[in-house]
Amino acid sequence: MPRLQSRGVLGPPGTISGHSKQGRYLRAVEAQLLESLPAPTAAQRHLVAHVCRLAYRLTQLEESFQAEELPSLDELRIYSSLHGQYVSAYRELFGKSSARVAEPPAPPSLGRLFVSEASDAA
């Protein structure tokens, strides 16, 4: 049985050309994601490939939405489903902490405000 080359996100030979627009996009996104992982395991590499393909498909749909007047309901459902898969895979890859937004600092209490105003006036 012949052994297939490992081409990362492009898949086995004959599936996606590395010289095409799609191939260049997938390679660039894959490089950025793998760069942010210190020592990616085989499972993480597979998940990165999945995230890259989802990102490309979402980009295609967004471009088609901009070209059309109104997308169909089926296209919106597909987009919503792909976006949910993308977010889920990204969270699994980088952990839930990277998906959280930093909480804003707590506002100062009234007691602190009055104490600081009193000390400024004195």
Protein backbone atom coordinates (compact mmCIF):
# COMPACT_ATOMS: atom_id res chain seq x y z
CA MET A 1 0.00 0.00 0.00
CA PRO A 2 1.51 3.36 -1.01
CA ARG A 3 2.09 5.85 1.73
CA LEU A 4 0.36 9.23 1.46
CA GLN A 5 2.30 12.40 2.01
CA SER A 6 1.34 14.52 4.95
CA ARG A 7 0.51 17.94 3.54
CA GLY A 8 -1.21 19.38 6.59
CA VAL A 9 -4.36 21.32 5.95
CA LEU A 10 -4.21 20.70 2.18
CA GLY A 11 -4.91 17.00 2.65
CA PRO A 12 -3.60 14.16 0.50
CA PRO A 13 -2.16 14.96 -2.95
CA GLY A 14 -4.79 15.79 -5.54
CA THR A 15 -7.32 17.38 -3.17
CA ILE A 16 -6.27 21.06 -2.88
CA SER A 17 -3.49 22.73 -4.83
CA GLY A 18 -1.07 24.68 -2.69
CA HIS A 19 -0.78 27.30 -5.46
CA SER A 20 -4.49 28.13 -5.60
CA LYS A 21 -6.14 30.97 -3.69
CA GLN A 22 -7.74 28.40 -1.36
CA GLY A 23 -4.44 26.61 -0.79
CA ARG A 24 -2.55 29.80 0.03
CA TYR A 25 -5.30 30.93 2.43
CA LEU A 26 -5.39 27.56 4.20
CA ARG A 27 -1.61 27.44 4.54
CA ALA A 28 -1.47 30.97 5.97
CA VAL A 29 -4.19 30.31 8.56
CA GLU A 30 -2.63 26.96 9.47
CA ALA A 31 0.79 28.60 10.00
CA GLN A 32 -0.72 31.27 12.25
CA LEU A 33 -2.60 28.76 14.38
CA LEU A 34 0.31 26.32 14.68
CA GLU A 35 2.62 29.20 15.61
CA SER A 36 0.44 29.97 18.62
CA LEU A 37 0.67 26.38 19.90
CA PRO A 38 3.98 25.58 21.65
CA ALA A 39 4.29 21.89 20.68
CA PRO A 40 1.17 20.74 18.81
CA THR A 41 0.16 17.11 19.14
CA ALA A 42 -1.27 15.06 16.28
CA ALA A 43 -4.80 15.68 17.55
CA GLN A 44 -4.17 19.43 17.73
CA ARG A 45 -2.78 19.43 14.17
CA HIS A 46 -5.92 17.65 12.98
CA LEU A 47 -8.10 20.17 14.82
CA VAL A 48 -6.10 23.06 13.30
CA ALA A 49 -6.78 21.65 9.82
CA HIS A 50 -10.48 21.42 10.68
CA VAL A 51 -10.57 25.02 11.98
CA CYS A 52 -8.77 26.24 8.84
CA ARG A 53 -11.25 24.58 6.50
CA LEU A 54 -14.18 25.95 8.52
CA ALA A 55 -12.64 29.43 8.41
CA TYR A 56 -12.25 29.22 4.63
CA ARG A 57 -15.84 28.06 4.13
CA LEU A 58 -17.13 30.87 6.38
CA THR A 59 -15.08 33.38 4.38
CA GLN A 60 -16.61 32.07 1.14
CA LEU A 61 -20.12 32.42 2.53
CA GLU A 62 -19.44 35.94 3.81
CA GLU A 63 -18.16 36.97 0.37
CA SER A 64 -21.26 35.53 -1.28
CA PHE A 65 -23.47 37.37 1.22
CA GLN A 66 -21.83 40.65 0.25
CA ALA A 67 -22.32 39.96 -3.46
CA GLU A 68 -26.01 39.02 -3.14
CA GLU A 69 -28.87 41.22 -2.04
CA LEU A 70 -30.30 38.78 0.49
CA PRO A 71 -28.96 35.34 1.35
CA SER A 72 -31.41 32.46 1.36
CA LEU A 73 -32.57 30.87 4.61
CA ASP A 74 -30.62 27.72 3.77
CA GLU A 75 -27.42 29.73 3.37
CA LEU A 76 -28.04 31.46 6.69
CA ARG A 77 -28.60 28.12 8.41
CA ILE A 78 -25.41 26.71 6.89
CA TYR A 79 -23.49 29.80 7.99
CA SER A 80 -24.88 29.58 11.50
CA SER A 81 -24.03 25.89 11.76
CA LEU A 82 -20.50 26.37 10.42
CA HIS A 83 -19.92 29.32 12.75
CA GLY A 84 -20.99 27.23 15.75
CA GLN A 85 -18.64 24.44 14.70
CA TYR A 86 -15.83 26.95 14.22
CA VAL A 87 -16.27 28.49 17.67
CA SER A 88 -16.53 25.06 19.30
CA ALA A 89 -13.40 23.73 17.57
CA TYR A 90 -11.45 26.92 18.34
CA ARG A 91 -12.40 26.71 22.03
CA GLU A 92 -11.40 23.06 22.12
CA LEU A 93 -8.08 23.92 20.52
CA PHE A 94 -7.12 26.89 22.66
CA GLY A 95 -9.15 26.30 25.81
CA LYS A 96 -12.08 28.22 27.18
CA SER A 97 -9.89 30.89 28.72
CA SER A 98 -8.92 32.34 25.31
CA ALA A 99 -12.58 32.72 24.36
CA ARG A 100 -13.38 34.79 27.43
CA VAL A 101 -13.26 38.53 27.31
CA ALA A 102 -11.31 40.19 30.08
CA GLU A 103 -13.65 41.64 32.64
CA PRO A 104 -13.47 45.40 33.10
CA PRO A 105 -12.10 46.66 36.40
CA ALA A 106 -14.66 47.19 39.13
CA PRO A 107 -15.74 50.80 39.55
CA PRO A 108 -14.55 52.49 42.73
CA SER A 109 -16.93 52.43 45.67
CA LEU A 110 -18.60 55.60 46.92
CA GLY A 111 -16.58 55.39 50.12
CA ARG A 112 -13.32 55.52 48.20
CA LEU A 113 -14.54 58.38 46.06
CA PHE A 114 -15.51 60.48 49.10
CA VAL A 115 -12.26 59.65 50.89
CA SER A 116 -10.14 60.61 47.85
CA GLU A 117 -12.14 63.84 47.32
CA ALA A 118 -11.75 64.75 51.00
CA SER A 119 -8.01 64.15 50.91
CA ASP A 120 -7.68 66.21 47.67
CA ALA A 121 -9.61 69.14 49.24
CA ALA A 122 -7.45 69.17 52.38
